[in-house]
């Protein structure tokens, strides 16, 4: 059980590290990006920095988290399709 918990924590920290690394600096809510990355790498308890990233640093999703429905265009009304003919 302890081994499973340790693996879960390691996966959580790696996910948070990658999520922070690919997020542009201007979208981060609080603090500099490098502080979160160094915290997850050098702090003796990396899950704390990962939790802080998800709680105060990660950008909020826009809207309600749902994607707008795709508008399906029939081929005879699609100008891109008609140009290819």
Foldseek 3Di string as FASTA:
>chain_A
DVVVVVVVLVVLLVVLLVLLVPDDQVQWQDDGSVVLNCLLVPPPRNSVSSVCCVPHTHHDDPDPPDDDDDDDDPLVRDPVNVVVD
